[in-house]
Amino acid sequence: MFRNLELILASLVLLSGPLAFAQEAPQDPRVPEAKTACAAGDAQKAAQLLAELYTATNDPIWIFNQGRCYHQNNMLSQAVARFKEFLRKNTNGPAEDSRDAQNYINEIEAELHKNDVGPNGATAGTIAKDGSGATPDDSNGRAFRYAGVGCFIFGGVALASGVVFSLLVNKTKNDVESKTANSGVPSSAISGDLTNGPRYETLQWVSYGVGATAVITGAVLYYFGVRQVTSSTSTAMLSPIILNHGAGATVHLAF
């Protein structure tokens, strides 16, 4: 009787062994590897491993996990794309998973929309309130270009004034030489020329110095206006310098 019981128990052990083994099948090594890559910030590697798992099992849950990995790594556009792909594939899967995917899509798209809206509620690429369609960067660049053209015009006028004063200097010099050639001319006759000559010469160099500096400053400002894209802190400042025998200016640039 005991022998029969032992045989029955031995038979039960032999029958139960294979069933227990089947229930504890080993996990695919790509699963923990994908989790590690995603947690380490390597979303591309994790997505590749999850794609291999989807190909091997045809289970769309791996596409869902791709979306979660992209989401966790702040790759929002890619996350939305994978969640939408999961919704297309999960037609016969659990409805709860589809609801979760849709909730993630709504959450991410709301976040993307919030990032696109500026401080005044204007989205990127919209027309400005003044109807010009210019972005703040365009406005900054336009201001630099206008300032550059203004400096060009001012510099041109100053240089022209320098030419005029140069002609006056030469004329005054010739008048003094012609008057002093005659020994009988009194000194009072050339006193005005002797006073005006140095004044014209000073104004000549002041005009040339300011004019040249204004033209250079205009070129710099116009260059910044063309190149202005994102920076709103670029500035240029003109500081005139008056010397004993001339004039000039310095240009201060800030980036």
Protein backbone atom coordinates (compact mmCIF):
# COMPACT_ATOMS: atom_id res chain seq x y z
CA MET A 1 0.00 0.00 0.00
CA PHE A 2 2.78 2.48 0.91
CA ARG A 3 4.63 1.47 -2.23
CA ASN A 4 1.61 2.36 -4.32
CA LEU A 5 1.40 5.75 -2.53
CA GLU A 6 5.07 6.40 -3.23
CA LEU A 7 4.57 5.62 -6.89
CA ILE A 8 1.60 7.99 -7.05
CA LEU A 9 3.60 10.82 -5.40
CA ALA A 10 6.54 10.25 -7.73
CA SER A 11 4.23 10.43 -10.70
CA LEU A 12 2.76 13.73 -9.46
CA VAL A 13 6.25 15.22 -9.06
CA LEU A 14 7.24 14.22 -12.58
CA LEU A 15 4.05 15.65 -14.03
CA SER A 16 4.25 18.93 -12.13
CA GLY A 17 7.91 19.68 -13.02
CA PRO A 18 7.47 20.63 -16.68
CA LEU A 19 4.37 22.77 -15.91
CA ALA A 20 6.24 24.86 -13.32
CA PHE A 21 9.12 25.37 -15.75
CA ALA A 22 6.75 26.55 -18.47
CA GLN A 23 5.23 29.16 -16.17
CA GLU A 24 8.66 30.61 -15.34
CA ALA A 25 9.98 31.14 -18.89
CA PRO A 26 13.06 33.40 -18.94
CA GLN A 27 12.54 37.12 -19.86
CA ASP A 28 13.90 38.43 -23.15
CA PRO A 29 17.22 40.15 -22.29
CA ARG A 30 16.30 43.07 -24.52
CA VAL A 31 13.57 44.14 -22.08
CA PRO A 32 15.86 45.14 -19.17
CA GLU A 33 18.39 46.48 -21.66
CA ALA A 34 15.76 48.79 -23.15
CA LYS A 35 14.70 49.95 -19.67
CA THR A 36 18.30 50.74 -18.77
CA ALA A 37 18.92 52.65 -22.01
CA CYS A 38 15.76 54.69 -21.58
CA ALA A 39 16.58 55.56 -17.95
CA ALA A 40 20.13 56.53 -18.99
CA GLY A 41 18.78 58.97 -21.59
CA ASP A 42 19.64 56.88 -24.65
CA ALA A 43 16.13 56.93 -26.09
CA GLN A 44 17.28 55.96 -29.58
CA LYS A 45 18.89 52.73 -28.36
CA ALA A 46 15.85 51.92 -26.24
CA ALA A 47 13.53 52.56 -29.19
CA GLN A 48 15.61 50.24 -31.37
CA LEU A 49 15.41 47.43 -28.82
CA LEU A 50 11.68 47.94 -28.40
CA ALA A 51 11.26 47.85 -32.18
CA GLU A 52 13.04 44.48 -32.23
CA LEU A 53 10.69 43.21 -29.52
CA TYR A 54 7.67 44.37 -31.52
CA THR A 55 8.98 42.64 -34.62
CA ALA A 56 9.53 39.43 -32.64
CA THR A 57 6.16 39.42 -30.84
CA ASN A 58 3.89 41.62 -32.98
CA ASP A 59 2.60 43.06 -29.69
CA PRO A 60 1.85 46.81 -30.01
CA ILE A 61 2.61 47.36 -26.31
CA TRP A 62 6.26 47.74 -27.33
CA ILE A 63 5.26 50.69 -29.54
CA PHE A 64 3.49 52.18 -26.52
CA ASN A 65 6.69 51.76 -24.53
CA GLN A 66 8.61 53.58 -27.26
CA GLY A 67 6.27 56.54 -26.76
CA ARG A 68 6.78 56.45 -23.00
CA CYS A 69 10.56 56.38 -23.40
CA TYR A 70 10.54 59.33 -25.79
CA HIS A 71 8.21 61.20 -23.44
CA GLN A 72 10.44 60.60 -20.43
CA ASN A 73 13.42 61.91 -22.39
CA ASN A 74 11.54 65.06 -23.48
CA MET A 75 11.45 64.02 -27.15
CA LEU A 76 7.84 65.10 -27.41
CA SER A 77 7.23 64.99 -31.16
CA GLN A 78 8.61 61.47 -31.41
CA ALA A 79 6.52 60.41 -28.41
CA VAL A 80 3.30 61.65 -30.01
CA ALA A 81 4.13 59.82 -33.23
CA ARG A 82 4.66 56.51 -31.42
CA PHE A 83 1.50 56.85 -29.32
CA LYS A 84 -0.53 57.53 -32.46
CA GLU A 85 1.05 54.51 -34.13
CA PHE A 86 0.11 52.45 -31.08
CA LEU A 87 -3.53 53.56 -31.40
CA ARG A 88 -3.52 52.39 -35.03
CA LYS A 89 -2.07 49.00 -34.13
CA ASN A 90 -3.98 48.37 -30.89
CA THR A 91 -7.37 47.81 -32.50
CA ASN A 92 -7.91 44.49 -30.74
CA GLY A 93 -5.87 45.19 -27.61
CA PRO A 94 -6.95 46.41 -24.16
CA ALA A 95 -9.05 49.56 -24.32
CA GLU A 96 -7.35 50.88 -21.20
CA ASP A 97 -4.01 51.00 -23.00
CA SER A 98 -5.57 52.99 -25.83
CA ARG A 99 -7.05 55.45 -23.32
CA ASP A 100 -3.66 55.89 -21.69
CA ALA A 101 -2.04 56.52 -25.07
CA GLN A 102 -4.64 59.13 -25.99
CA ASN A 103 -4.21 60.84 -22.61
CA TYR A 104 -0.47 61.04 -23.18
CA ILE A 105 -1.06 62.48 -26.65
CA ASN A 106 -3.37 65.16 -25.25
CA GLU A 107 -0.89 66.00 -22.48
CA ILE A 108 2.09 66.30 -24.83
CA GLU A 109 0.24 68.31 -27.48
CA ALA A 110 -0.93 70.75 -24.81
CA GLU A 111 2.66 71.13 -23.67
CA LEU A 112 3.88 71.66 -27.24
CA HIS A 113 1.20 74.30 -27.82
CA LYS A 114 2.19 76.07 -24.60
CA ASN A 115 5.83 76.21 -25.72
CA ASP A 116 4.84 77.67 -29.08
CA VAL A 117 2.83 80.52 -27.54
CA GLY A 118 4.80 83.64 -26.72
CA PRO A 119 4.41 85.91 -23.67
CA ASN A 120 1.74 88.01 -25.41
CA GLY A 121 -0.18 85.00 -26.68
CA ALA A 122 1.19 85.18 -30.22
CA THR A 123 2.29 81.88 -31.67
CA ALA A 124 5.38 81.43 -33.79
CA GLY A 125 4.83 82.45 -37.39
CA THR A 126 1.72 84.56 -36.68
CA ILE A 127 1.35 88.12 -37.92
CA ALA A 128 2.24 90.80 -35.41
CA LYS A 129 -0.54 93.01 -34.00
CA ASP A 130 0.62 95.96 -36.12
CA GLY A 131 -0.02 93.87 -39.24
CA SER A 132 3.59 94.02 -40.38
CA GLY A 133 4.19 90.30 -39.97
CA ALA A 134 7.65 91.04 -38.56
CA THR A 135 9.03 89.08 -35.68
CA PRO A 136 10.92 90.82 -32.82
CA ASP A 137 14.20 89.74 -34.42
CA ASP A 138 13.14 91.34 -37.71
CA SER A 139 12.31 94.55 -35.85
CA ASN A 140 15.71 94.60 -34.19
CA GLY A 141 17.47 94.04 -37.49
CA ARG A 142 15.41 96.71 -39.20
CA ALA A 143 16.28 99.21 -36.46
CA PHE A 144 19.99 98.52 -36.96
CA ARG A 145 19.67 98.93 -40.73
CA TYR A 146 17.77 102.21 -40.42
CA ALA A 147 20.38 103.51 -37.97
CA GLY A 148 23.12 102.45 -40.37
CA VAL A 149 21.53 104.31 -43.29
CA GLY A 150 21.09 107.39 -41.08
CA CYS A 151 24.77 107.30 -40.14
CA PHE A 152 25.70 106.95 -43.81
CA ILE A 153 23.69 110.07 -44.69
CA PHE A 154 25.07 112.06 -41.75
CA GLY A 155 28.60 110.95 -42.59
CA GLY A 156 28.17 111.97 -46.21
CA VAL A 157 26.97 115.45 -45.19
CA ALA A 158 29.89 115.82 -42.77
CA LEU A 159 32.42 114.77 -45.42
CA ALA A 160 30.88 117.23 -47.87
CA SER A 161 31.19 119.94 -45.23
CA GLY A 162 34.85 119.01 -44.82
CA VAL A 163 35.37 119.51 -48.56
CA VAL A 164 33.72 122.95 -48.35
CA PHE A 165 35.92 123.99 -45.43
CA SER A 166 38.99 122.70 -47.30
CA LEU A 167 38.10 124.96 -50.22
CA LEU A 168 37.66 127.88 -47.82
CA VAL A 169 41.06 127.16 -46.28
CA ASN A 170 42.71 127.21 -49.70
CA LYS A 171 40.83 130.35 -50.73
CA THR A 172 41.79 132.16 -47.52
CA LYS A 173 45.42 131.14 -47.95
CA ASN A 174 45.47 132.39 -51.52
CA ASP A 175 43.82 135.68 -50.49
CA VAL A 176 46.44 136.29 -47.79
CA GLU A 177 49.28 135.51 -50.16
CA SER A 178 47.91 137.78 -52.86
CA LYS A 179 47.33 140.65 -50.42
CA THR A 180 50.72 140.38 -48.76
CA ALA A 181 52.40 140.38 -52.17
CA ASN A 182 51.62 144.09 -52.31
CA SER A 183 53.77 145.85 -49.72
CA GLY A 184 51.38 148.72 -49.46
CA VAL A 185 48.44 146.64 -48.11
CA PRO A 186 47.75 147.45 -44.43
CA SER A 187 47.66 144.58 -41.89
CA SER A 188 44.02 145.33 -41.09
CA ALA A 189 43.12 144.18 -44.59
CA ILE A 190 44.22 140.61 -43.87
CA SER A 191 43.28 140.41 -40.20
CA GLY A 192 39.95 138.78 -41.05
CA ASP A 193 41.60 136.18 -43.25
CA LEU A 194 44.16 135.40 -40.54
CA THR A 195 41.29 134.82 -38.09
CA ASN A 196 39.10 132.78 -40.42
CA GLY A 197 41.87 130.58 -41.85
CA PRO A 198 42.62 128.59 -38.67
CA ARG A 199 38.89 128.32 -37.93
CA TYR A 200 38.17 126.89 -41.37
CA GLU A 201 41.07 124.45 -40.98
CA THR A 202 39.75 123.21 -37.62
CA LEU A 203 36.23 122.79 -39.00
CA GLN A 204 37.69 120.99 -41.99
CA TRP A 205 39.32 118.29 -39.86
CA VAL A 206 36.36 118.04 -37.53
CA SER A 207 34.05 117.44 -40.49
CA TYR A 208 36.37 114.85 -42.02
CA GLY A 209 36.79 113.01 -38.72
CA VAL A 210 33.11 112.95 -37.82
CA GLY A 211 32.10 112.11 -41.38
CA ALA A 212 34.50 109.19 -41.70
CA THR A 213 33.49 107.83 -38.30
CA ALA A 214 29.79 108.13 -39.12
CA VAL A 215 30.28 106.22 -42.38
CA ILE A 216 32.17 103.44 -40.61
CA THR A 217 29.55 103.30 -37.86
CA GLY A 218 26.82 103.16 -40.48
CA ALA A 219 28.52 100.21 -42.14
CA VAL A 220 28.82 98.38 -38.82
CA LEU A 221 25.19 99.04 -37.87
CA TYR A 222 23.91 97.97 -41.27
CA TYR A 223 25.99 94.79 -41.05
CA PHE A 224 24.43 93.95 -37.68
CA GLY A 225 21.00 94.69 -39.10
CA VAL A 226 21.53 92.15 -41.86
CA ARG A 227 23.01 89.54 -39.55
CA GLN A 228 20.55 90.06 -36.70
CA VAL A 229 18.68 86.79 -36.11
CA THR A 230 18.21 85.96 -32.45
CA SER A 231 20.29 88.35 -30.43
CA SER A 232 18.49 91.33 -28.93
CA THR A 233 21.49 92.66 -26.99
CA SER A 234 23.82 93.74 -29.78
CA THR A 235 24.49 97.48 -29.51
CA ALA A 236 26.79 100.01 -31.10
CA MET A 237 27.59 103.42 -29.60
CA LEU A 238 29.39 106.35 -31.25
CA SER A 239 31.55 108.53 -28.99
CA PRO A 240 33.00 111.67 -30.65
CA ILE A 241 36.53 112.84 -29.79
CA ILE A 242 37.63 116.45 -30.28
CA LEU A 243 41.40 116.97 -30.54
CA ASN A 244 43.53 120.10 -30.77
CA HIS A 245 44.02 119.82 -34.54
CA GLY A 246 41.19 117.58 -35.59
CA ALA A 247 38.36 115.33 -34.50
CA GLY A 248 37.38 111.71 -34.46
CA ALA A 249 35.21 109.17 -32.72
CA THR A 250 35.26 105.74 -31.21
CA VAL A 251 32.74 102.96 -31.86
CA HIS A 252 31.78 100.78 -28.89
CA LEU A 253 30.25 97.42 -29.80
CA ALA A 254 28.47 95.09 -27.40
CA PHE A 255 27.25 91.54 -28.14
